[in-house]
Amino acid sequence: MFDVGFWEICIVLLVALLVFGPDKLPQVARTTGMWVGKARRMVSGVQQEIERELRIQEMRDAIKQQEQHSLHQFLEETKTNLTELKQPLTELKQSLISPSTTTATVSNASSVLGQSQLSAVNASVPVADRSGKD
């Protein structure tokens, strides 16, 4: 931090010896050392606190990014599933609207939808439409 050489330290010690005298110099050195130690511990504590807060903030950002990614992935999967479900329903609707289409579409829809869902669709269609006559 500071570039202090051997001769600079000797000069400081000589001046301190002249100012405080040989009797008080050890007590002044202890007091100075104590205050320097307290200052270093305080600076170290502040550094650790700042580093801890930075790590916490990084973790929060990572969690938030992961949540956004998971939400985006969930929405994309839901969109894909809805699109896949919409296609057989559209085919079934078309086959019910125009009865001249082959029964292969209805059997295809029944294999995709399942018997219980097809029964529900058939129950909602009027009887005249099911026979193919208008």
N, C-alpha and C. Protein backbone atom coordinates (compact mmCIF):
# COMPACT_ATOMS: atom_id res chain seq x y z
N MET A 1 0.83 -1.18 0.00
CA MET A 1 0.00 0.00 0.00
C MET A 1 0.88 1.25 0.00
N PHE A 2 1.63 1.42 1.05
CA PHE A 2 2.58 2.52 1.10
C PHE A 2 3.96 1.96 0.78
N ASP A 3 4.74 2.73 0.07
CA ASP A 3 6.09 2.28 -0.25
C ASP A 3 7.04 2.94 0.75
N VAL A 4 7.18 2.29 1.90
CA VAL A 4 8.03 2.83 2.96
C VAL A 4 9.23 1.91 3.11
N GLY A 5 10.42 2.49 2.97
CA GLY A 5 11.64 1.70 3.06
C GLY A 5 12.21 1.70 4.47
N PHE A 6 13.35 1.05 4.62
CA PHE A 6 13.99 0.91 5.91
C PHE A 6 14.40 2.26 6.49
N TRP A 7 15.00 3.14 5.69
CA TRP A 7 15.49 4.42 6.19
C TRP A 7 14.35 5.35 6.59
N GLU A 8 13.19 5.25 5.88
CA GLU A 8 12.05 6.08 6.29
C GLU A 8 11.54 5.66 7.67
N ILE A 9 11.52 4.35 7.93
CA ILE A 9 11.08 3.86 9.23
C ILE A 9 12.05 4.30 10.32
N CYS A 10 13.35 4.25 10.04
CA CYS A 10 14.35 4.70 11.02
C CYS A 10 14.18 6.17 11.35
N ILE A 11 13.90 6.99 10.37
CA ILE A 11 13.71 8.42 10.61
C ILE A 11 12.47 8.66 11.46
N VAL A 12 11.36 7.95 11.18
CA VAL A 12 10.13 8.09 11.97
C VAL A 12 10.39 7.68 13.42
N LEU A 13 11.09 6.57 13.63
CA LEU A 13 11.40 6.11 14.99
C LEU A 13 12.30 7.11 15.73
N LEU A 14 13.26 7.70 15.05
CA LEU A 14 14.14 8.69 15.66
C LEU A 14 13.36 9.93 16.07
N VAL A 15 12.46 10.40 15.22
CA VAL A 15 11.63 11.58 15.54
C VAL A 15 10.72 11.25 16.72
N ALA A 16 10.11 10.03 16.72
CA ALA A 16 9.24 9.63 17.83
C ALA A 16 10.03 9.56 19.13
N LEU A 17 11.24 9.07 19.07
CA LEU A 17 12.08 9.00 20.27
C LEU A 17 12.39 10.39 20.80
N LEU A 18 12.66 11.34 19.91
CA LEU A 18 12.95 12.71 20.34
C LEU A 18 11.71 13.40 20.89
N VAL A 19 10.52 13.13 20.28
CA VAL A 19 9.29 13.81 20.71
C VAL A 19 8.78 13.23 22.03
N PHE A 20 8.69 11.91 22.15
CA PHE A 20 8.08 11.29 23.33
C PHE A 20 9.10 10.93 24.40
N GLY A 21 10.30 10.77 24.04
CA GLY A 21 11.33 10.39 25.03
C GLY A 21 11.37 8.89 25.19
N PRO A 22 12.45 8.39 25.80
CA PRO A 22 12.62 6.95 25.93
C PRO A 22 11.65 6.30 26.92
N ASP A 23 11.08 7.07 27.86
CA ASP A 23 10.17 6.49 28.85
C ASP A 23 8.78 6.22 28.26
N LYS A 24 8.25 7.15 27.47
CA LYS A 24 6.89 7.01 26.95
C LYS A 24 6.83 6.33 25.58
N LEU A 25 7.93 6.14 24.92
CA LEU A 25 7.92 5.57 23.57
C LEU A 25 7.31 4.16 23.52
N PRO A 26 7.60 3.24 24.46
CA PRO A 26 6.96 1.91 24.39
C PRO A 26 5.44 1.98 24.56
N GLN A 27 4.96 2.85 25.44
CA GLN A 27 3.53 3.00 25.64
C GLN A 27 2.87 3.59 24.39
N VAL A 28 3.49 4.57 23.78
CA VAL A 28 2.96 5.18 22.55
C VAL A 28 2.95 4.14 21.42
N ALA A 29 3.98 3.31 21.33
CA ALA A 29 4.05 2.28 20.31
C ALA A 29 2.92 1.25 20.49
N ARG A 30 2.65 0.84 21.76
CA ARG A 30 1.56 -0.09 22.02
C ARG A 30 0.21 0.52 21.64
N THR A 31 -0.02 1.77 22.04
CA THR A 31 -1.28 2.44 21.74
C THR A 31 -1.45 2.60 20.22
N THR A 32 -0.38 2.98 19.56
CA THR A 32 -0.44 3.14 18.11
C THR A 32 -0.71 1.78 17.44
N GLY A 33 -0.06 0.75 17.89
CA GLY A 33 -0.29 -0.59 17.35
C GLY A 33 -1.72 -1.06 17.56
N MET A 34 -2.27 -0.73 18.75
CA MET A 34 -3.64 -1.11 19.04
C MET A 34 -4.61 -0.41 18.08
N TRP A 35 -4.41 0.89 17.87
CA TRP A 35 -5.30 1.64 16.97
C TRP A 35 -5.15 1.19 15.52
N VAL A 36 -3.95 0.89 15.12
CA VAL A 36 -3.74 0.39 13.75
C VAL A 36 -4.42 -0.97 13.58
N GLY A 37 -4.32 -1.83 14.59
CA GLY A 37 -4.98 -3.13 14.54
C GLY A 37 -6.49 -3.00 14.46
N LYS A 38 -7.06 -2.10 15.26
CA LYS A 38 -8.50 -1.87 15.22
C LYS A 38 -8.93 -1.36 13.84
N ALA A 39 -8.16 -0.45 13.29
CA ALA A 39 -8.48 0.09 11.95
C ALA A 39 -8.43 -1.02 10.90
N ARG A 40 -7.42 -1.88 10.97
CA ARG A 40 -7.32 -2.97 10.01
C ARG A 40 -8.49 -3.94 10.14
N ARG A 41 -8.86 -4.27 11.39
CA ARG A 41 -9.99 -5.18 11.59
C ARG A 41 -11.29 -4.56 11.07
N MET A 42 -11.44 -3.26 11.30
CA MET A 42 -12.64 -2.59 10.83
C MET A 42 -12.70 -2.60 9.30
N VAL A 43 -11.59 -2.28 8.65
CA VAL A 43 -11.55 -2.29 7.18
C VAL A 43 -11.79 -3.71 6.66
N SER A 44 -11.20 -4.70 7.32
CA SER A 44 -11.40 -6.09 6.91
C SER A 44 -12.87 -6.49 7.06
N GLY A 45 -13.50 -6.09 8.15
CA GLY A 45 -14.92 -6.39 8.36
C GLY A 45 -15.80 -5.75 7.30
N VAL A 46 -15.49 -4.51 6.94
CA VAL A 46 -16.27 -3.82 5.91
C VAL A 46 -16.08 -4.53 4.56
N GLN A 47 -14.85 -4.93 4.25
CA GLN A 47 -14.59 -5.66 3.01
C GLN A 47 -15.37 -6.98 2.97
N GLN A 48 -15.35 -7.71 4.07
CA GLN A 48 -16.08 -8.98 4.11
C GLN A 48 -17.58 -8.76 3.95
N GLU A 49 -18.09 -7.72 4.58
CA GLU A 49 -19.52 -7.41 4.46
C GLU A 49 -19.90 -7.06 3.02
N ILE A 50 -19.07 -6.27 2.37
CA ILE A 50 -19.33 -5.90 0.97
C ILE A 50 -19.27 -7.14 0.08
N GLU A 51 -18.27 -7.99 0.28
CA GLU A 51 -18.15 -9.22 -0.51
C GLU A 51 -19.35 -10.14 -0.28
N ARG A 52 -19.80 -10.24 0.96
CA ARG A 52 -20.96 -11.07 1.25
C ARG A 52 -22.22 -10.53 0.58
N GLU A 53 -22.41 -9.23 0.63
CA GLU A 53 -23.56 -8.62 -0.03
C GLU A 53 -23.50 -8.82 -1.55
N LEU A 54 -22.31 -8.73 -2.12
CA LEU A 54 -22.17 -8.97 -3.57
C LEU A 54 -22.51 -10.42 -3.92
N ARG A 55 -22.05 -11.37 -3.10
CA ARG A 55 -22.38 -12.78 -3.35
C ARG A 55 -23.88 -13.01 -3.24
N ILE A 56 -24.51 -12.40 -2.24
CA ILE A 56 -25.95 -12.54 -2.06
C ILE A 56 -26.68 -11.98 -3.27
N GLN A 57 -26.25 -10.81 -3.74
CA GLN A 57 -26.90 -10.20 -4.91
C GLN A 57 -26.71 -11.06 -6.15
N GLU A 58 -25.52 -11.66 -6.32
CA GLU A 58 -25.28 -12.54 -7.45
C GLU A 58 -26.19 -13.77 -7.38
N MET A 59 -26.37 -14.30 -6.17
CA MET A 59 -27.27 -15.45 -6.00
C MET A 59 -28.70 -15.07 -6.34
N ARG A 60 -29.14 -13.89 -5.87
CA ARG A 60 -30.50 -13.44 -6.19
C ARG A 60 -30.69 -13.29 -7.69
N ASP A 61 -29.70 -12.72 -8.35
CA ASP A 61 -29.79 -12.55 -9.80
C ASP A 61 -29.84 -13.91 -10.50
N ALA A 62 -29.04 -14.86 -10.04
CA ALA A 62 -29.03 -16.19 -10.65
C ALA A 62 -30.37 -16.89 -10.44
N ILE A 63 -30.94 -16.76 -9.24
CA ILE A 63 -32.25 -17.36 -8.97
C ILE A 63 -33.32 -16.72 -9.83
N LYS A 64 -33.29 -15.40 -9.94
CA LYS A 64 -34.28 -14.70 -10.76
C LYS A 64 -34.17 -15.11 -12.22
N GLN A 65 -32.95 -15.22 -12.71
CA GLN A 65 -32.74 -15.62 -14.10
C GLN A 65 -33.22 -17.06 -14.30
N GLN A 66 -32.97 -17.94 -13.35
CA GLN A 66 -33.43 -19.32 -13.46
C GLN A 66 -34.94 -19.39 -13.45
N GLU A 67 -35.59 -18.59 -12.60
CA GLU A 67 -37.06 -18.56 -12.55
C GLU A 67 -37.63 -18.07 -13.87
N GLN A 68 -37.03 -17.04 -14.45
CA GLN A 68 -37.50 -16.52 -15.73
C GLN A 68 -37.33 -17.57 -16.82
N HIS A 69 -36.18 -18.26 -16.80
CA HIS A 69 -35.94 -19.29 -17.80
C HIS A 69 -36.95 -20.42 -17.65
N SER A 70 -37.21 -20.84 -16.42
CA SER A 70 -38.17 -21.91 -16.18
C SER A 70 -39.57 -21.50 -16.61
N LEU A 71 -39.95 -20.27 -16.32
CA LEU A 71 -41.26 -19.77 -16.72
C LEU A 71 -41.38 -19.72 -18.24
N HIS A 72 -40.33 -19.24 -18.90
CA HIS A 72 -40.33 -19.18 -20.36
C HIS A 72 -40.44 -20.58 -20.95
N GLN A 73 -39.70 -21.53 -20.39
CA GLN A 73 -39.74 -22.90 -20.87
C GLN A 73 -41.13 -23.49 -20.65
N PHE A 74 -41.74 -23.24 -19.51
CA PHE A 74 -43.08 -23.74 -19.23
C PHE A 74 -44.09 -23.17 -20.22
N LEU A 75 -43.99 -21.87 -20.50
CA LEU A 75 -44.91 -21.26 -21.45
C LEU A 75 -44.75 -21.83 -22.85
N GLU A 76 -43.52 -22.08 -23.26
CA GLU A 76 -43.27 -22.65 -24.58
C GLU A 76 -43.83 -24.07 -24.66
N GLU A 77 -43.63 -24.87 -23.61
CA GLU A 77 -44.17 -26.23 -23.60
C GLU A 77 -45.69 -26.21 -23.63
N THR A 78 -46.30 -25.29 -22.89
CA THR A 78 -47.76 -25.17 -22.87
C THR A 78 -48.27 -24.77 -24.24
N LYS A 79 -47.59 -23.82 -24.89
CA LYS A 79 -47.99 -23.41 -26.23
C LYS A 79 -47.92 -24.57 -27.20
N THR A 80 -46.85 -25.35 -27.13
CA THR A 80 -46.69 -26.51 -28.01
C THR A 80 -47.79 -27.53 -27.76
N ASN A 81 -48.07 -27.80 -26.50
CA ASN A 81 -49.13 -28.77 -26.17
C ASN A 81 -50.49 -28.30 -26.65
N LEU A 82 -50.77 -27.03 -26.48
CA LEU A 82 -52.05 -26.50 -26.95
C LEU A 82 -52.17 -26.58 -28.46
N THR A 83 -51.07 -26.31 -29.15
CA THR A 83 -51.07 -26.41 -30.60
C THR A 83 -51.32 -27.85 -31.03
N GLU A 84 -50.67 -28.79 -30.35
CA GLU A 84 -50.86 -30.20 -30.67
C GLU A 84 -52.30 -30.64 -30.40
N LEU A 85 -52.94 -30.11 -29.37
CA LEU A 85 -54.32 -30.46 -29.07
C LEU A 85 -55.30 -29.78 -30.01
N LYS A 86 -54.94 -28.63 -30.49
CA LYS A 86 -55.84 -27.86 -31.35
C LYS A 86 -56.01 -28.53 -32.72
N GLN A 87 -54.97 -29.14 -33.23
CA GLN A 87 -55.02 -29.74 -34.56
C GLN A 87 -56.09 -30.85 -34.65
N PRO A 88 -56.10 -31.85 -33.77
CA PRO A 88 -57.14 -32.88 -33.88
C PRO A 88 -58.54 -32.32 -33.66
N LEU A 89 -58.67 -31.34 -32.80
CA LEU A 89 -59.98 -30.73 -32.58
C LEU A 89 -60.46 -30.00 -33.83
N THR A 90 -59.55 -29.33 -34.50
CA THR A 90 -59.91 -28.65 -35.74
C THR A 90 -60.33 -29.66 -36.79
N GLU A 91 -59.58 -30.76 -36.90
CA GLU A 91 -59.95 -31.80 -37.86
C GLU A 91 -61.31 -32.39 -37.53
N LEU A 92 -61.57 -32.63 -36.26
CA LEU A 92 -62.85 -33.18 -35.84
C LEU A 92 -63.98 -32.21 -36.15
N LYS A 93 -63.74 -30.93 -35.90
CA LYS A 93 -64.75 -29.91 -36.19
C LYS A 93 -65.05 -29.87 -37.68
N GLN A 94 -64.01 -29.94 -38.48
CA GLN A 94 -64.21 -29.93 -39.93
C GLN A 94 -64.98 -31.16 -40.39
N SER A 95 -64.70 -32.31 -39.80
CA SER A 95 -65.42 -33.52 -40.19
C SER A 95 -66.88 -33.46 -39.76
N LEU A 96 -67.16 -32.79 -38.66
CA LEU A 96 -68.54 -32.67 -38.22
C LEU A 96 -69.30 -31.64 -39.03
N ILE A 97 -68.61 -30.60 -39.48
CA ILE A 97 -69.27 -29.57 -40.30
C ILE A 97 -69.55 -30.11 -41.69
N SER A 98 -68.60 -30.77 -42.30
CA SER A 98 -68.81 -31.33 -43.64
C SER A 98 -68.80 -32.85 -43.55
N PRO A 99 -69.98 -33.46 -43.49
CA PRO A 99 -70.06 -34.92 -43.31
C PRO A 99 -69.62 -35.69 -44.54
N SER A 100 -69.34 -35.02 -45.64
CA SER A 100 -68.93 -35.73 -46.85
C SER A 100 -67.50 -36.24 -46.75
N THR A 101 -66.75 -35.78 -45.77
CA THR A 101 -65.38 -36.28 -45.61
C THR A 101 -65.43 -37.70 -45.12
N THR A 102 -64.39 -38.39 -45.31
CA THR A 102 -64.36 -39.82 -44.96
C THR A 102 -64.36 -40.01 -43.46
N THR A 103 -64.73 -41.18 -43.05
CA THR A 103 -64.76 -41.49 -41.63
C THR A 103 -63.38 -41.73 -41.08
N ALA A 104 -62.38 -41.70 -41.95
CA ALA A 104 -61.00 -41.89 -41.47
C ALA A 104 -60.58 -40.74 -40.57
N THR A 105 -61.07 -39.54 -40.87
CA THR A 105 -60.72 -38.39 -40.04
C THR A 105 -61.30 -38.55 -38.64
N VAL A 106 -62.54 -39.03 -38.57
CA VAL A 106 -63.19 -39.23 -37.28
C VAL A 106 -62.47 -40.33 -36.51
N SER A 107 -62.11 -41.40 -37.19
CA SER A 107 -61.41 -42.46 -36.49
C SER A 107 -60.02 -42.00 -36.06
N ASN A 108 -59.40 -41.14 -36.86
CA ASN A 108 -58.11 -40.56 -36.49
C ASN A 108 -58.28 -39.68 -35.26
N ALA A 109 -59.33 -38.88 -35.25
CA ALA A 109 -59.58 -38.02 -34.10
C ALA A 109 -59.88 -38.84 -32.86
N SER A 110 -60.61 -39.95 -33.03
CA SER A 110 -60.93 -40.77 -31.86
C SER A 110 -59.68 -41.43 -31.29
N SER A 111 -58.72 -41.75 -32.16
CA SER A 111 -57.49 -42.33 -31.63
C SER A 111 -56.65 -41.31 -30.90
N VAL A 112 -56.73 -40.05 -31.34
CA VAL A 112 -55.96 -38.99 -30.69
C VAL A 112 -56.65 -38.53 -29.41
N LEU A 113 -57.96 -38.29 -29.51
CA LEU A 113 -58.68 -37.73 -28.37
C LEU A 113 -58.99 -38.78 -27.30
N GLY A 114 -59.30 -39.98 -27.70
CA GLY A 114 -59.72 -40.98 -26.74
C GLY A 114 -61.22 -41.10 -26.77
N GLN A 115 -61.73 -42.22 -26.37
CA GLN A 115 -63.15 -42.51 -26.50
C GLN A 115 -64.01 -41.59 -25.63
N SER A 116 -63.57 -41.26 -24.42
CA SER A 116 -64.40 -40.45 -23.53
C SER A 116 -64.55 -39.03 -24.06
N GLN A 117 -63.48 -38.45 -24.60
CA GLN A 117 -63.57 -37.10 -25.15
C GLN A 117 -64.41 -37.09 -26.42
N LEU A 118 -64.31 -38.13 -27.26
CA LEU A 118 -65.09 -38.20 -28.49
C LEU A 118 -66.56 -38.36 -28.17
N SER A 119 -66.89 -39.10 -27.12
CA SER A 119 -68.29 -39.25 -26.70
C SER A 119 -68.85 -37.91 -26.28
N ALA A 120 -68.05 -37.11 -25.60
CA ALA A 120 -68.51 -35.78 -25.17
C ALA A 120 -68.76 -34.90 -26.38
N VAL A 121 -67.90 -34.99 -27.40
CA VAL A 121 -68.09 -34.20 -28.61
C VAL A 121 -69.34 -34.66 -29.34
N ASN A 122 -69.54 -35.98 -29.46
CA ASN A 122 -70.72 -36.53 -30.13
C ASN A 122 -72.00 -36.13 -29.40
N ALA A 123 -71.95 -36.07 -28.09
CA ALA A 123 -73.14 -35.70 -27.32
C ALA A 123 -73.52 -34.26 -27.56
N SER A 124 -72.56 -33.40 -27.89
CA SER A 124 -72.87 -32.00 -28.10
C SER A 124 -73.34 -31.70 -29.52
N VAL A 125 -73.20 -32.66 -30.46
CA VAL A 125 -73.61 -32.46 -31.85
C VAL A 125 -75.05 -32.91 -31.98
N PRO A 126 -75.90 -32.11 -32.64
CA PRO A 126 -77.31 -32.50 -32.82
C PRO A 126 -77.42 -33.80 -33.62
N VAL A 127 -78.54 -34.51 -33.45
CA VAL A 127 -78.74 -35.82 -34.06
C VAL A 127 -78.76 -35.72 -35.57
N ALA A 128 -79.37 -34.68 -36.12
CA ALA A 128 -79.46 -34.54 -37.58
C ALA A 128 -78.08 -34.40 -38.19
N ASP A 129 -77.14 -33.71 -37.48
CA ASP A 129 -75.79 -33.53 -38.00
C ASP A 129 -75.00 -34.83 -37.98
N ARG A 130 -75.25 -35.70 -37.01
CA ARG A 130 -74.50 -36.92 -36.89
C ARG A 130 -74.82 -37.90 -38.02
N SER A 131 -76.05 -37.85 -38.53
CA SER A 131 -76.42 -38.79 -39.57
C SER A 131 -75.90 -38.35 -40.93
N GLY A 132 -75.49 -37.11 -41.03
CA GLY A 132 -74.94 -36.62 -42.28
C GLY A 132 -76.01 -36.01 -43.16
N LYS A 133 -77.25 -35.97 -42.70
CA LYS A 133 -78.34 -35.38 -43.47
C LYS A 133 -78.67 -34.02 -42.90
N ASP A 134 -79.05 -33.13 -43.79
CA ASP A 134 -79.42 -31.77 -43.35
C ASP A 134 -80.90 -31.59 -43.23
